[in-house]
PDB file of all heavy atoms in Angstrom:
ATOM      1  N   GLY A   1     169.665  37.574  -6.994  1.00  0.00           N
ATOM      2  CA  GLY A   1     170.827  37.847  -6.130  1.00  0.00           C
ATOM      3  C   GLY A   1     171.960  38.621  -6.800  1.00  0.00           C
ATOM      4  O   GLY A   1     173.067  38.610  -6.222  1.00  0.00           O
ATOM      5  N   LEU A   2     171.740  39.226  -7.920  1.00  0.00           N
ATOM      6  CA  LEU A   2     172.811  39.952  -8.597  1.00  0.00           C
ATOM      7  C   LEU A   2     172.859  41.369  -7.945  1.00  0.00           C
ATOM      8  O   LEU A   2     171.833  42.016  -7.694  1.00  0.00           O
ATOM      9  CB  LEU A   2     172.472  40.100 -10.070  1.00  0.00           C
ATOM     10  CG  LEU A   2     172.470  38.789 -10.867  1.00  0.00           C
ATOM     11  CD1 LEU A   2     172.026  39.055 -12.296  1.00  0.00           C
ATOM     12  CD2 LEU A   2     173.855  38.165 -10.806  1.00  0.00           C
ATOM     13  N   GLN A   3     174.074  41.819  -7.646  1.00  0.00           N
ATOM     14  CA  GLN A   3     174.246  43.112  -7.073  1.00  0.00           C
ATOM     15  C   GLN A   3     174.334  44.159  -8.193  1.00  0.00           C
ATOM     16  O   GLN A   3     175.062  43.972  -9.154  1.00  0.00           O
ATOM     17  CB  GLN A   3     175.520  43.162  -6.242  1.00  0.00           C
ATOM     18  CG  GLN A   3     175.466  42.221  -5.046  1.00  0.00           C
ATOM     19  CD  GLN A   3     174.315  42.561  -4.131  1.00  0.00           C
ATOM     20  OE1 GLN A   3     174.138  43.749  -3.724  1.00  0.00           O
ATOM     21  NE2 GLN A   3     173.462  41.627  -3.815  1.00  0.00           N
ATOM     22  N   ILE A   4     173.614  45.260  -7.993  1.00  0.00           N
ATOM     23  CA  ILE A   4     173.590  46.350  -8.952  1.00  0.00           C
ATOM     24  C   ILE A   4     173.966  47.609  -8.154  1.00  0.00           C
ATOM     25  O   ILE A   4     173.263  47.940  -7.189  1.00  0.00           O
ATOM     26  CB  ILE A   4     172.231  46.495  -9.578  1.00  0.00           C
ATOM     27  CG1 ILE A   4     171.894  45.213 -10.339  1.00  0.00           C
ATOM     28  CG2 ILE A   4     172.216  47.699 -10.555  1.00  0.00           C
ATOM     29  CD1 ILE A   4     170.459  45.241 -10.914  1.00  0.00           C
ATOM     30  N   SER A   5     175.070  48.257  -8.562  1.00  0.00           N
ATOM     31  CA  SER A   5     175.478  49.449  -7.858  1.00  0.00           C
ATOM     32  C   SER A   5     174.454  50.567  -8.098  1.00  0.00           C
ATOM     33  O   SER A   5     173.733  50.579  -9.087  1.00  0.00           O
ATOM     34  CB  SER A   5     176.864  49.873  -8.356  1.00  0.00           C
ATOM     35  OG  SER A   5     176.798  50.441  -9.636  1.00  0.00           O
ATOM     36  N   THR A   6     174.488  51.543  -7.209  1.00  0.00           N
ATOM     37  CA  THR A   6     173.610  52.703  -7.338  1.00  0.00           C
ATOM     38  C   THR A   6     173.929  53.416  -8.680  1.00  0.00           C
ATOM     39  O   THR A   6     173.017  53.798  -9.394  1.00  0.00           O
ATOM     40  CB  THR A   6     173.746  53.649  -6.175  1.00  0.00           C
ATOM     41  OG1 THR A   6     173.395  52.944  -4.978  1.00  0.00           O
ATOM     42  CG2 THR A   6     172.844  54.868  -6.268  1.00  0.00           C
ATOM     43  N   ARG A   7     175.206  53.547  -8.960  1.00  0.00           N
ATOM     44  CA  ARG A   7     175.605  54.211 -10.201  1.00  0.00           C
ATOM     45  C   ARG A   7     175.039  53.449 -11.417  1.00  0.00           C
ATOM     46  O   ARG A   7     174.465  54.047 -12.331  1.00  0.00           O
ATOM     47  CB  ARG A   7     177.157  54.257 -10.331  1.00  0.00           C
ATOM     48  CG  ARG A   7     177.590  54.875 -11.657  1.00  0.00           C
ATOM     49  CD  ARG A   7     179.060  54.585 -11.978  1.00  0.00           C
ATOM     50  NE  ARG A   7     179.432  55.117 -13.246  1.00  0.00           N
ATOM     51  CZ  ARG A   7     179.160  54.474 -14.413  1.00  0.00           C
ATOM     52  NH1 ARG A   7     178.570  53.306 -14.406  1.00  0.00           N
ATOM     53  NH2 ARG A   7     179.511  54.997 -15.566  1.00  0.00           N
ATOM     54  N   ALA A   8     175.116  52.139 -11.400  1.00  0.00           N
ATOM     55  CA  ALA A   8     174.607  51.324 -12.540  1.00  0.00           C
ATOM     56  C   ALA A   8     173.115  51.561 -12.702  1.00  0.00           C
ATOM     57  O   ALA A   8     172.597  51.698 -13.806  1.00  0.00           O
ATOM     58  CB  ALA A   8     174.962  49.867 -12.311  1.00  0.00           C
ATOM     59  N   ALA A   9     172.381  51.489 -11.598  1.00  0.00           N
ATOM     60  CA  ALA A   9     170.957  51.697 -11.658  1.00  0.00           C
ATOM     61  C   ALA A   9     170.602  53.056 -12.223  1.00  0.00           C
ATOM     62  O   ALA A   9     169.741  53.183 -13.127  1.00  0.00           O
ATOM     63  CB  ALA A   9     170.315  51.496 -10.314  1.00  0.00           C
ATOM     64  N   ASP A  10     171.363  54.076 -11.772  1.00  0.00           N
ATOM     65  CA  ASP A  10     171.128  55.454 -12.310  1.00  0.00           C
ATOM     66  C   ASP A  10     171.417  55.540 -13.811  1.00  0.00           C
ATOM     67  O   ASP A  10     170.693  56.165 -14.546  1.00  0.00           O
ATOM     68  CB  ASP A  10     171.962  56.462 -11.539  1.00  0.00           C
ATOM     69  CG  ASP A  10     171.523  56.689 -10.125  1.00  0.00           C
ATOM     70  OD1 ASP A  10     170.373  56.221  -9.748  1.00  0.00           O
ATOM     71  OD2 ASP A  10     172.295  57.228  -9.306  1.00  0.00           O
ATOM     72  N   VAL A  11     172.532  54.881 -14.201  1.00  0.00           N
ATOM     73  CA  VAL A  11     172.922  54.937 -15.635  1.00  0.00           C
ATOM     74  C   VAL A  11     171.855  54.218 -16.492  1.00  0.00           C
ATOM     75  O   VAL A  11     171.482  54.661 -17.511  1.00  0.00           O
ATOM     76  CB  VAL A  11     174.296  54.365 -15.818  1.00  0.00           C
ATOM     77  CG1 VAL A  11     174.644  54.202 -17.321  1.00  0.00           C
ATOM     78  CG2 VAL A  11     175.363  55.330 -15.191  1.00  0.00           C
ATOM     79  N   VAL A  12     171.389  53.061 -15.989  1.00  0.00           N
ATOM     80  CA  VAL A  12     170.352  52.324 -16.727  1.00  0.00           C
ATOM     81  C   VAL A  12     169.095  53.173 -16.886  1.00  0.00           C
ATOM     82  O   VAL A  12     168.528  53.316 -18.000  1.00  0.00           O
ATOM     83  CB  VAL A  12     169.983  50.965 -16.069  1.00  0.00           C
ATOM     84  CG1 VAL A  12     168.714  50.386 -16.620  1.00  0.00           C
ATOM     85  CG2 VAL A  12     171.161  50.012 -16.207  1.00  0.00           C
ATOM     86  N   MET A  13     168.702  53.892 -15.855  1.00  0.00           N
ATOM     87  CA  MET A  13     167.507  54.732 -15.941  1.00  0.00           C
ATOM     88  C   MET A  13     167.733  55.866 -16.954  1.00  0.00           C
ATOM     89  O   MET A  13     166.845  56.243 -17.738  1.00  0.00           O
ATOM     90  CB  MET A  13     167.159  55.285 -14.530  1.00  0.00           C
ATOM     91  CG  MET A  13     166.881  54.206 -13.527  1.00  0.00           C
ATOM     92  SD  MET A  13     165.665  53.012 -13.998  1.00  0.00           S
ATOM     93  CE  MET A  13     164.213  53.994 -13.806  1.00  0.00           C
ATOM     94  N   LEU A  14     168.901  56.454 -16.933  1.00  0.00           N
ATOM     95  CA  LEU A  14     169.235  57.508 -17.878  1.00  0.00           C
ATOM     96  C   LEU A  14     169.215  56.994 -19.352  1.00  0.00           C
ATOM     97  O   LEU A  14     168.626  57.622 -20.205  1.00  0.00           O
ATOM     98  CB  LEU A  14     170.643  58.087 -17.544  1.00  0.00           C
ATOM     99  CG  LEU A  14     171.247  59.064 -18.537  1.00  0.00           C
ATOM    100  CD1 LEU A  14     170.406  60.381 -18.548  1.00  0.00           C
ATOM    101  CD2 LEU A  14     172.658  59.342 -18.256  1.00  0.00           C
ATOM    102  N   VAL A  15     169.844  55.824 -19.537  1.00  0.00           N
ATOM    103  CA  VAL A  15     169.860  55.237 -20.921  1.00  0.00           C
ATOM    104  C   VAL A  15     168.468  54.907 -21.384  1.00  0.00           C
ATOM    105  O   VAL A  15     168.097  55.221 -22.520  1.00  0.00           O
ATOM    106  CB  VAL A  15     170.782  54.017 -20.889  1.00  0.00           C
ATOM    107  CG1 VAL A  15     170.610  53.229 -22.186  1.00  0.00           C
ATOM    108  CG2 VAL A  15     172.256  54.368 -20.758  1.00  0.00           C
ATOM    109  N   VAL A  16     167.605  54.321 -20.500  1.00  0.00           N
ATOM    110  CA  VAL A  16     166.254  54.011 -20.852  1.00  0.00           C
ATOM    111  C   VAL A  16     165.541  55.345 -21.281  1.00  0.00           C
ATOM    112  O   VAL A  16     164.863  55.390 -22.294  1.00  0.00           O
ATOM    113  CB  VAL A  16     165.487  53.333 -19.738  1.00  0.00           C
ATOM    114  CG1 VAL A  16     163.981  53.326 -19.966  1.00  0.00           C
ATOM    115  CG2 VAL A  16     165.991  51.918 -19.576  1.00  0.00           C
ATOM    116  N   SER A  17     165.675  56.395 -20.457  1.00  0.00           N
ATOM    117  CA  SER A  17     165.023  57.647 -20.810  1.00  0.00           C
ATOM    118  C   SER A  17     165.444  58.216 -22.146  1.00  0.00           C
ATOM    119  O   SER A  17     164.634  58.616 -22.916  1.00  0.00           O
ATOM    120  CB  SER A  17     165.340  58.697 -19.717  1.00  0.00           C
ATOM    121  OG  SER A  17     164.732  58.386 -18.502  1.00  0.00           O
ATOM    122  N   GLU A  18     166.744  58.226 -22.408  1.00  0.00           N
ATOM    123  CA  GLU A  18     167.254  58.749 -23.652  1.00  0.00           C
ATOM    124  C   GLU A  18     166.833  57.966 -24.883  1.00  0.00           C
ATOM    125  O   GLU A  18     166.431  58.501 -25.868  1.00  0.00           O
ATOM    126  CB  GLU A  18     168.757  58.900 -23.586  1.00  0.00           C
ATOM    127  CG  GLU A  18     169.275  59.926 -22.613  1.00  0.00           C
ATOM    128  CD  GLU A  18     168.798  61.321 -22.895  1.00  0.00           C
ATOM    129  OE1 GLU A  18     168.523  61.674 -24.020  1.00  0.00           O
ATOM    130  OE2 GLU A  18     168.729  62.140 -21.922  1.00  0.00           O
ATOM    131  N   LEU A  19     166.971  56.594 -24.800  1.00  0.00           N
ATOM    132  CA  LEU A  19     166.589  55.757 -25.921  1.00  0.00           C
ATOM    133  C   LEU A  19     165.133  55.833 -26.202  1.00  0.00           C
ATOM    134  O   LEU A  19     164.690  55.863 -27.392  1.00  0.00           O
ATOM    135  CB  LEU A  19     167.065  54.304 -25.718  1.00  0.00           C
ATOM    136  CG  LEU A  19     168.596  54.104 -25.698  1.00  0.00           C
ATOM    137  CD1 LEU A  19     168.905  52.618 -25.485  1.00  0.00           C
ATOM    138  CD2 LEU A  19     169.250  54.623 -26.945  1.00  0.00           C
ATOM    139  N   VAL A  20     164.305  55.799 -25.193  1.00  0.00           N
ATOM    140  CA  VAL A  20     162.824  55.826 -25.345  1.00  0.00           C
ATOM    141  C   VAL A  20     162.435  57.211 -25.861  1.00  0.00           C
ATOM    142  O   VAL A  20     161.580  57.278 -26.791  1.00  0.00           O
ATOM    143  CB  VAL A  20     162.137  55.514 -24.026  1.00  0.00           C
ATOM    144  CG1 VAL A  20     160.651  55.862 -24.083  1.00  0.00           C
ATOM    145  CG2 VAL A  20     162.265  54.021 -23.761  1.00  0.00           C
ATOM    146  N   THR A  21     163.046  58.255 -25.386  1.00  0.00           N
ATOM    147  CA  THR A  21     162.778  59.584 -25.906  1.00  0.00           C
ATOM    148  C   THR A  21     163.073  59.663 -27.441  1.00  0.00           C
ATOM    149  O   THR A  21     162.271  60.221 -28.209  1.00  0.00           O
ATOM    150  CB  THR A  21     163.549  60.650 -25.123  1.00  0.00           C
ATOM    151  OG1 THR A  21     163.135  60.652 -23.779  1.00  0.00           O
ATOM    152  CG2 THR A  21     163.311  62.081 -25.763  1.00  0.00           C
ATOM    153  N   ASN A  22     164.201  59.133 -27.798  1.00  0.00           N
ATOM    154  CA  ASN A  22     164.567  59.108 -29.257  1.00  0.00           C
ATOM    155  C   ASN A  22     163.562  58.324 -30.059  1.00  0.00           C
ATOM    156  O   ASN A  22     163.155  58.814 -31.132  1.00  0.00           O
ATOM    157  CB  ASN A  22     165.948  58.566 -29.462  1.00  0.00           C
ATOM    158  CG  ASN A  22     166.982  59.554 -29.066  1.00  0.00           C
ATOM    159  OD1 ASN A  22     166.746  60.715 -28.746  1.00  0.00           O
ATOM    160  ND2 ASN A  22     168.244  59.106 -28.948  1.00  0.00           N
ATOM    161  N   ALA A  23     163.148  57.178 -29.598  1.00  0.00           N
ATOM    162  CA  ALA A  23     162.155  56.358 -30.294  1.00  0.00           C
ATOM    163  C   ALA A  23     160.856  57.138 -30.451  1.00  0.00           C
ATOM    164  O   ALA A  23     160.284  57.166 -31.544  1.00  0.00           O
ATOM    165  CB  ALA A  23     161.934  55.012 -29.628  1.00  0.00           C
ATOM    166  N   ARG A  24     160.383  57.731 -29.373  1.00  0.00           N
ATOM    167  CA  ARG A  24     159.137  58.481 -29.423  1.00  0.00           C
ATOM    168  C   ARG A  24     159.185  59.689 -30.316  1.00  0.00           C
ATOM    169  O   ARG A  24     158.244  60.064 -30.966  1.00  0.00           O
ATOM    170  CB  ARG A  24     158.722  58.905 -28.013  1.00  0.00           C
ATOM    171  CG  ARG A  24     158.227  57.734 -27.172  1.00  0.00           C
ATOM    172  CD  ARG A  24     157.723  58.161 -25.896  1.00  0.00           C
ATOM    173  NE  ARG A  24     156.778  59.285 -26.121  1.00  0.00           N
ATOM    174  CZ  ARG A  24     155.780  59.581 -25.328  1.00  0.00           C
ATOM    175  NH1 ARG A  24     155.570  58.891 -24.263  1.00  0.00           N
ATOM    176  NH2 ARG A  24     155.022  60.587 -25.570  1.00  0.00           N
ATOM    177  N   THR A  25     160.327  60.294 -30.347  1.00  0.00           N
ATOM    178  CA  THR A  25     160.520  61.519 -31.116  1.00  0.00           C
ATOM    179  C   THR A  25     160.689  61.287 -32.607  1.00  0.00           C
ATOM    180  O   THR A  25     160.160  62.022 -33.393  1.00  0.00           O
ATOM    181  CB  THR A  25     161.757  62.339 -30.587  1.00  0.00           C
ATOM    182  OG1 THR A  25     161.560  62.592 -29.215  1.00  0.00           O
ATOM    183  CG2 THR A  25     161.952  63.634 -31.335  1.00  0.00           C
ATOM    184  N   HIS A  26     161.391  60.249 -32.986  1.00  0.00           N
ATOM    185  CA  HIS A  26     161.830  60.066 -34.345  1.00  0.00           C
ATOM    186  C   HIS A  26     161.133  58.917 -35.097  1.00  0.00           C
ATOM    187  O   HIS A  26     161.398  58.722 -36.292  1.00  0.00           O
ATOM    188  CB  HIS A  26     163.359  59.905 -34.398  1.00  0.00           C
ATOM    189  CG  HIS A  26     164.106  61.042 -33.833  1.00  0.00           C
ATOM    190  ND1 HIS A  26     164.129  62.276 -34.428  1.00  0.00           N
ATOM    191  CD2 HIS A  26     164.824  61.178 -32.718  1.00  0.00           C
ATOM    192  CE1 HIS A  26     164.828  63.095 -33.702  1.00  0.00           C
ATOM    193  NE2 HIS A  26     165.265  62.438 -32.618  1.00  0.00           N
ATOM    194  N   ALA A  27     160.380  58.080 -34.410  1.00  0.00           N
ATOM    195  CA  ALA A  27     159.784  56.903 -35.096  1.00  0.00           C
ATOM    196  C   ALA A  27     158.262  56.879 -34.863  1.00  0.00           C
ATOM    197  O   ALA A  27     157.835  57.127 -33.736  1.00  0.00           O
ATOM    198  CB  ALA A  27     160.404  55.663 -34.591  1.00  0.00           C
ATOM    199  N   PRO A  28     157.504  56.592 -35.902  1.00  0.00           N
ATOM    200  CA  PRO A  28     156.063  56.504 -35.698  1.00  0.00           C
ATOM    201  C   PRO A  28     155.683  55.189 -35.086  1.00  0.00           C
ATOM    202  O   PRO A  28     156.397  54.172 -35.231  1.00  0.00           O
ATOM    203  CB  PRO A  28     155.529  56.580 -37.145  1.00  0.00           C
ATOM    204  CG  PRO A  28     156.626  56.001 -37.986  1.00  0.00           C
ATOM    205  CD  PRO A  28     157.886  56.432 -37.281  1.00  0.00           C
TER     206      PRO A  28
END
């Protein structure tokens, strides 16, 4: 029942993409 704004959901998706991209690019 927690409300998540559209902006928050979009930002979370962006952050996940960027952090995962960095892990895949720079760490074995």
